Amino acid sequence: MAELPWLVADVGGTNARFGLVTAPGEAPSQVAVLAGADHASLPDAVAAYLADHAGGVRPGAACVAVAGPIGGDSYQLTNLPWSGSVGDLGVPYAVLLNDFEALAVSLPHLGADDLVGLGGPVPGDGIKAVLGPGTGLGVAGLVPGDHGWIPVPGEGGHVSVPVHDEREQEIVAALREQGLRHVEAEHVLSGPGLARLYRALALVNGAAPEDGMTASEIVARAGDPLCAETVDVFCAMLGTFAGNVALTLGARGGVYIGGGVLPRIVDRVRASAFRRRFAASPSMSGYLSSIATTLIVAPQPALTGAAAWLTQQLSRRSVYEPA
């Protein structure tokens, strides 16, 4: 097995999170969050983390989860101008994962304190789905196999926006007026999407939005009618989207919600139309009602998934290496 410590990373469109694994099966330690905009490339960010937060250690292996599609050892981030090969990190053994693929791998390793129920029964052991709004909108699955869980990456955040009623159709029309010719789910169900939704709702309501409102400011202003409605519509549309994902994957083992937006507003999500809209399929409401929906509130779950995946891959590698 590769020499310790091992490097794990979760690289999103805004921040790059890093940690070290000092023993197989242990949780990542020396976790640090670096702003992606402060670094020209992934190798630069890795070098900064190792120098400034990890005592200059030279990791023997690495698992890097990135917010974007991957192909072999190559990556291209969707919302950050970083691309290249994981081999450029100069680590003896390195593997790539999609960030929500890593989040999916983390699910069996999360404890009760890492999860908050959003409705439905206790999650089962069947196929699981994970999705979540952050800088973008990620989606992945987790399938039980003969030798453990198998992650299934995808780019489901780029499907068409989930519209349920006439008012939401008006919102989509307003988004098109504001320059989006084709409205994807990620255009609304993400941190930047929340701000976009706020401006579209203002147009539909004939109100004047405040300039420069961010997702954090919108969720913080619960007493502002336009901000409150924005969050309500966001949660409702996310419920429809989550139901669509559950039906597509057959996620009888539960649907898990990650990302950086919802853990800040747990009570409002629970009080919203999220769960009702999740199960609102005219023909499959019974099927969806039997599926648990759960919010992930662990601070760095994708790092947990990256560590678990790296341990698994290194174990298999050592088994098949010639003596």
Protein backbone atom coordinates (compact mmCIF):
# COMPACT_ATOMS: atom_id res chain seq x y z
CA MET A 1 0.00 0.00 0.00
CA ALA A 2 1.19 3.56 -0.68
CA GLU A 3 3.20 5.42 1.92
CA LEU A 4 1.26 7.62 4.33
CA PRO A 5 0.01 10.27 4.61
CA TRP A 6 -2.44 10.41 1.72
CA LEU A 7 -3.89 13.60 0.28
CA VAL A 8 -7.63 14.00 -0.29
CA ALA A 9 -9.28 16.96 -1.98
CA ASP A 10 -12.75 18.23 -2.86
CA VAL A 11 -12.46 20.91 -5.52
CA GLY A 12 -15.60 22.92 -6.25
CA GLY A 13 -16.34 25.96 -8.34
CA THR A 14 -15.58 28.33 -5.45
CA ASN A 15 -13.42 26.53 -2.88
CA ALA A 16 -10.88 23.72 -2.81
CA ARG A 17 -10.94 21.64 0.37
CA PHE A 18 -7.95 19.52 1.37
CA GLY A 19 -7.08 17.04 4.08
CA LEU A 20 -4.60 14.32 5.01
CA VAL A 21 -5.32 10.67 5.78
CA THR A 22 -2.74 9.42 8.28
CA ALA A 23 -4.03 5.82 8.58
CA PRO A 24 -6.37 3.69 6.43
CA GLY A 25 -9.96 4.09 7.57
CA GLU A 26 -9.32 7.27 9.56
CA ALA A 27 -11.16 10.52 8.91
CA PRO A 28 -9.20 13.25 7.10
CA SER A 29 -7.28 15.61 9.37
CA GLN A 30 -5.54 18.98 8.92
CA VAL A 31 -8.48 20.08 6.79
CA ALA A 32 -8.16 23.47 5.11
CA VAL A 33 -10.33 25.38 2.65
CA LEU A 34 -8.61 27.45 -0.05
CA ALA A 35 -10.37 29.89 -2.39
CA GLY A 36 -10.04 28.64 -5.95
CA ALA A 37 -9.73 32.18 -7.32
CA ASP A 38 -6.51 32.63 -5.32
CA HIS A 39 -4.69 29.93 -7.30
CA ALA A 40 -3.93 29.55 -10.98
CA SER A 41 -4.32 25.78 -11.11
CA LEU A 42 -5.00 22.65 -9.08
CA PRO A 43 -1.26 21.84 -8.71
CA ASP A 44 -0.72 25.39 -7.38
CA ALA A 45 -3.52 24.95 -4.83
CA VAL A 46 -2.17 21.54 -3.76
CA ALA A 47 1.32 22.98 -3.33
CA ALA A 48 -0.07 25.84 -1.23
CA TYR A 49 -2.02 23.47 1.00
CA LEU A 50 0.92 21.15 1.58
CA ALA A 51 3.27 24.05 2.34
CA ASP A 52 0.96 26.17 4.48
CA HIS A 53 -1.33 23.65 6.20
CA ALA A 54 0.38 20.24 6.11
CA GLY A 55 3.94 20.96 7.19
CA GLY A 56 5.38 20.39 3.73
CA VAL A 57 4.72 16.62 3.74
CA ARG A 58 4.98 14.59 0.52
CA PRO A 59 1.87 12.40 0.25
CA GLY A 60 2.26 8.88 -1.06
CA ALA A 61 -1.17 8.83 -2.69
CA ALA A 62 -4.03 11.19 -3.49
CA CYS A 63 -7.71 11.16 -4.34
CA VAL A 64 -9.07 14.37 -5.85
CA ALA A 65 -12.79 14.96 -6.28
CA VAL A 66 -13.59 17.70 -8.80
CA ALA A 67 -16.79 19.55 -9.73
CA GLY A 68 -16.95 18.60 -13.36
CA PRO A 69 -16.70 15.66 -15.74
CA ILE A 70 -13.60 13.49 -15.63
CA GLY A 71 -12.04 11.13 -18.15
CA GLY A 72 -9.34 8.76 -16.98
CA ASP A 73 -6.79 10.96 -15.23
CA SER A 74 -8.02 14.20 -16.87
CA TYR A 75 -10.38 16.80 -15.45
CA GLN A 76 -12.11 20.00 -16.53
CA LEU A 77 -13.90 21.96 -13.82
CA THR A 78 -17.29 23.32 -14.83
CA ASN A 79 -17.28 26.56 -12.83
CA LEU A 80 -13.55 27.22 -12.40
CA PRO A 81 -10.94 27.54 -15.20
CA TRP A 82 -8.84 24.60 -14.01
CA SER A 83 -8.07 21.61 -16.21
CA GLY A 84 -5.30 19.08 -16.58
CA SER A 85 -4.18 15.66 -15.44
CA VAL A 86 -4.11 14.36 -11.89
CA GLY A 87 -0.64 13.09 -12.80
CA ASP A 88 0.54 16.71 -12.74
CA LEU A 89 0.30 16.71 -8.93
CA GLY A 90 3.56 14.78 -8.60
CA VAL A 91 2.05 12.18 -6.25
CA PRO A 92 3.16 8.54 -6.81
CA TYR A 93 -0.44 7.24 -6.98
CA ALA A 94 -3.40 9.55 -7.69
CA VAL A 95 -7.02 8.97 -8.67
CA LEU A 96 -9.87 11.27 -9.72
CA LEU A 97 -13.53 11.33 -8.79
CA ASN A 98 -16.38 13.62 -9.68
CA ASP A 99 -17.22 15.61 -6.53
CA PHE A 100 -20.70 14.14 -6.20
CA GLU A 101 -19.31 10.69 -6.91
CA ALA A 102 -17.16 11.22 -3.80
CA LEU A 103 -20.20 12.48 -1.90
CA ALA A 104 -22.04 9.29 -2.89
CA VAL A 105 -19.15 7.14 -1.64
CA SER A 106 -19.34 8.96 1.71
CA LEU A 107 -22.95 7.94 2.43
CA PRO A 108 -22.25 4.60 4.17
CA HIS A 109 -19.59 6.33 6.29
CA LEU A 110 -21.75 9.17 7.65
CA GLY A 111 -23.12 9.01 11.20
CA ALA A 112 -26.44 10.06 12.68
CA ASP A 113 -25.09 13.50 13.58
CA ASP A 114 -24.15 14.06 9.93
CA LEU A 115 -27.73 13.66 8.66
CA VAL A 116 -31.11 15.36 9.11
CA GLY A 117 -34.32 13.71 7.94
CA LEU A 118 -36.53 15.62 5.49
CA GLY A 119 -39.38 13.12 5.33
CA GLY A 120 -40.18 9.54 4.49
CA PRO A 121 -39.14 6.27 6.14
CA VAL A 122 -35.69 5.28 7.41
CA PRO A 123 -33.28 5.05 4.44
CA GLY A 124 -32.89 1.52 3.10
CA ASP A 125 -30.03 -0.50 1.64
CA GLY A 126 -30.96 -0.23 -2.04
CA ILE A 127 -29.75 2.20 -4.68
CA LYS A 128 -29.11 5.65 -3.24
CA ALA A 129 -29.06 9.04 -4.93
CA VAL A 130 -27.26 12.19 -3.84
CA LEU A 131 -27.76 15.67 -5.22
CA GLY A 132 -27.11 19.15 -4.04
CA PRO A 133 -27.00 22.86 -4.80
CA GLY A 134 -23.68 24.62 -4.31
CA THR A 135 -21.79 26.68 -6.88
CA GLY A 136 -23.43 24.25 -9.32
CA LEU A 137 -25.93 21.40 -8.99
CA GLY A 138 -24.41 17.95 -8.58
CA VAL A 139 -26.01 14.52 -8.96
CA ALA A 140 -24.70 10.97 -8.46
CA GLY A 141 -25.87 7.51 -7.51
CA LEU A 142 -24.59 4.72 -5.26
CA VAL A 143 -25.34 1.13 -6.24
CA PRO A 144 -24.82 -1.96 -4.04
CA GLY A 145 -22.47 -4.51 -5.61
CA ASP A 146 -21.00 -7.89 -4.76
CA HIS A 147 -17.86 -6.31 -3.32
CA GLY A 148 -19.23 -3.09 -1.83
CA TRP A 149 -20.86 0.09 -3.01
CA ILE A 150 -20.30 1.40 -6.54
CA PRO A 151 -20.62 5.16 -7.25
CA VAL A 152 -22.33 6.29 -10.45
CA PRO A 153 -21.36 9.83 -11.53
CA GLY A 154 -23.53 12.00 -13.74
CA GLU A 155 -24.22 15.54 -14.91
CA GLY A 156 -27.89 15.64 -13.93
CA GLY A 157 -27.70 19.27 -12.87
CA HIS A 158 -27.76 20.24 -16.53
CA VAL A 159 -31.17 18.74 -17.33
CA SER A 160 -34.00 21.13 -18.12
CA VAL A 161 -35.39 23.11 -15.20
CA PRO A 162 -38.14 21.25 -13.24
CA VAL A 163 -41.29 23.35 -13.73
CA HIS A 164 -44.45 22.29 -11.86
CA ASP A 165 -47.09 24.99 -12.33
CA GLU A 166 -47.97 28.17 -14.22
CA ARG A 167 -46.17 30.45 -11.78
CA GLU A 168 -42.95 28.56 -12.26
CA GLN A 169 -43.47 28.77 -16.00
CA GLU A 170 -43.67 32.55 -15.56
CA ILE A 171 -40.40 32.45 -13.62
CA VAL A 172 -38.71 30.52 -16.42
CA ALA A 173 -40.07 33.02 -18.95
CA ALA A 174 -38.57 35.82 -16.85
CA LEU A 175 -35.23 34.01 -16.80
CA ARG A 176 -35.33 33.82 -20.59
CA GLU A 177 -36.05 37.57 -20.72
CA GLN A 178 -32.91 38.04 -18.63
CA GLY A 179 -30.76 36.24 -21.20
CA LEU A 180 -31.03 32.47 -20.59
CA ARG A 181 -32.18 30.87 -23.84
CA HIS A 182 -32.29 27.36 -22.36
CA VAL A 183 -32.90 27.20 -18.61
CA GLU A 184 -31.19 24.27 -16.91
CA ALA A 185 -31.90 23.03 -13.40
CA GLU A 186 -28.50 24.35 -12.26
CA HIS A 187 -29.44 27.86 -13.43
CA VAL A 188 -31.97 27.98 -10.58
CA LEU A 189 -31.03 25.24 -8.11
CA SER A 190 -27.60 26.45 -7.01
CA GLY A 191 -26.10 29.30 -5.01
CA PRO A 192 -25.86 31.59 -8.06
CA GLY A 193 -29.23 30.18 -9.15
CA LEU A 194 -30.86 31.38 -5.94
CA ALA A 195 -29.79 34.94 -6.75
CA ARG A 196 -31.00 34.46 -10.34
CA LEU A 197 -34.34 33.17 -9.05
CA TYR A 198 -34.65 36.23 -6.79
CA ARG A 199 -34.31 38.59 -9.75
CA ALA A 200 -36.74 36.57 -11.88
CA LEU A 201 -39.36 36.55 -9.12
CA ALA A 202 -39.02 40.30 -8.76
CA LEU A 203 -39.76 40.66 -12.48
CA VAL A 204 -42.80 38.36 -12.20
CA ASN A 205 -44.07 40.26 -9.14
CA GLY A 206 -43.42 43.67 -10.66
CA ALA A 207 -41.10 44.46 -7.74
CA ALA A 208 -37.70 46.14 -7.66
CA PRO A 209 -34.94 43.73 -6.56
CA GLU A 210 -31.97 44.96 -4.60
CA ASP A 211 -28.80 45.00 -6.68
CA GLY A 212 -26.09 42.46 -5.99
CA MET A 213 -28.06 40.19 -3.68
CA THR A 214 -26.16 36.96 -2.98
CA ALA A 215 -27.51 33.56 -1.95
CA SER A 216 -26.27 34.11 1.62
CA GLU A 217 -28.05 37.45 1.87
CA ILE A 218 -31.28 36.04 0.45
CA VAL A 219 -31.48 33.13 2.91
CA ALA A 220 -30.57 35.47 5.80
CA ARG A 221 -33.50 37.83 5.13
CA ALA A 222 -36.35 35.58 6.21
CA GLY A 223 -38.51 38.61 7.00
CA ASP A 224 -38.26 40.09 3.50
CA PRO A 225 -41.27 38.89 1.45
CA LEU A 226 -39.36 38.58 -1.85
CA CYS A 227 -36.43 36.75 -0.22
CA ALA A 228 -38.81 34.42 1.65
CA GLU A 229 -40.71 33.61 -1.53
CA THR A 230 -37.45 32.99 -3.37
CA VAL A 231 -36.40 30.41 -0.79
CA ASP A 232 -39.86 28.79 -0.85
CA VAL A 233 -39.84 28.45 -4.65
CA PHE A 234 -36.24 27.19 -4.55
CA CYS A 235 -37.12 24.42 -2.07
CA ALA A 236 -40.25 23.44 -3.99
CA MET A 237 -38.42 23.17 -7.32
CA LEU A 238 -35.63 21.23 -5.64
CA GLY A 239 -38.26 18.78 -4.37
CA THR A 240 -39.50 18.14 -7.90
CA PHE A 241 -35.94 17.77 -9.15
CA ALA A 242 -35.09 15.31 -6.34
CA GLY A 243 -38.19 13.27 -7.17
CA ASN A 244 -37.12 13.11 -10.81
CA VAL A 245 -33.68 11.87 -9.77
CA ALA A 246 -35.22 9.24 -7.49
CA LEU A 247 -37.41 7.93 -10.32
CA THR A 248 -34.55 7.93 -12.82
CA LEU A 249 -32.16 5.96 -10.59
CA GLY A 250 -34.76 3.85 -8.78
CA ALA A 251 -33.32 5.19 -5.52
CA ARG A 252 -35.30 3.06 -3.08
CA GLY A 253 -32.37 3.32 -0.64
CA GLY A 254 -32.95 7.04 -0.18
CA VAL A 255 -32.26 10.43 -1.70
CA TYR A 256 -29.61 12.51 0.07
CA ILE A 257 -29.24 16.27 -0.33
CA GLY A 258 -25.77 17.82 -0.07
CA GLY A 259 -24.21 21.05 -1.22
CA GLY A 260 -23.52 24.26 0.64
CA VAL A 261 -26.91 26.00 0.48
CA LEU A 262 -29.47 23.97 2.46
CA PRO A 263 -27.57 23.17 5.71
CA ARG A 264 -27.89 26.87 6.57
CA ILE A 265 -31.71 26.75 6.43
CA VAL A 266 -32.67 23.29 7.72
CA ASP A 267 -35.88 24.39 9.48
CA ARG A 268 -37.08 26.33 6.44
CA VAL A 269 -36.47 23.34 4.17
CA ARG A 270 -38.49 21.12 6.51
CA ALA A 271 -41.35 23.65 6.58
CA SER A 272 -41.29 24.15 2.80
CA ALA A 273 -43.03 22.28 -0.01
CA PHE A 274 -39.87 20.24 -0.66
CA ARG A 275 -41.21 16.88 0.55
CA ARG A 276 -44.70 17.40 -0.88
CA ARG A 277 -43.26 18.25 -4.28
CA PHE A 278 -40.83 15.30 -4.05
CA ALA A 279 -43.76 12.87 -3.96
CA ALA A 280 -46.12 14.85 -6.22
CA SER A 281 -45.94 12.56 -9.29
CA PRO A 282 -49.51 11.78 -10.44
CA SER A 283 -48.62 8.19 -11.34
CA MET A 284 -45.74 7.40 -8.94
CA SER A 285 -46.62 9.19 -5.69
CA GLY A 286 -46.82 5.92 -3.75
CA TYR A 287 -43.38 4.88 -5.00
CA LEU A 288 -41.85 8.24 -4.09
CA SER A 289 -43.59 8.42 -0.70
CA SER A 290 -41.76 5.24 0.29
CA ILE A 291 -38.34 6.84 -0.34
CA ALA A 292 -36.53 8.71 2.43
CA THR A 293 -35.17 12.19 1.82
CA THR A 294 -32.22 13.18 4.00
CA LEU A 295 -30.10 16.32 4.29
CA ILE A 296 -26.33 15.93 4.71
CA VAL A 297 -25.04 18.39 7.34
CA ALA A 298 -21.53 16.95 7.81
CA PRO A 299 -18.92 19.70 7.30
CA GLN A 300 -16.71 18.01 4.65
CA PRO A 301 -18.46 14.82 3.48
CA ALA A 302 -16.78 14.65 0.05
CA LEU A 303 -13.39 14.41 1.79
CA THR A 304 -14.75 11.46 3.75
CA GLY A 305 -15.82 9.87 0.46
CA ALA A 306 -12.47 10.56 -1.20
CA ALA A 307 -10.65 8.96 1.75
CA ALA A 308 -12.89 5.88 1.64
CA TRP A 309 -12.44 5.53 -2.13
CA LEU A 310 -8.67 5.90 -1.92
CA THR A 311 -8.48 3.25 0.82
CA GLN A 312 -10.58 0.89 -1.31
CA GLN A 313 -8.53 1.45 -4.46
CA LEU A 314 -5.19 1.06 -2.69
CA SER A 315 -6.38 -2.14 -0.99
CA ARG A 316 -7.35 -3.64 -4.34
CA ARG A 317 -4.09 -2.49 -5.89
CA SER A 318 -2.03 -4.15 -3.17
CA VAL A 319 -3.97 -7.42 -3.60
CA TYR A 320 -3.18 -7.58 -7.31
CA GLU A 321 0.41 -6.32 -7.20
CA PRO A 322 2.97 -9.07 -7.86
CA ALA A 323 4.83 -10.28 -4.79
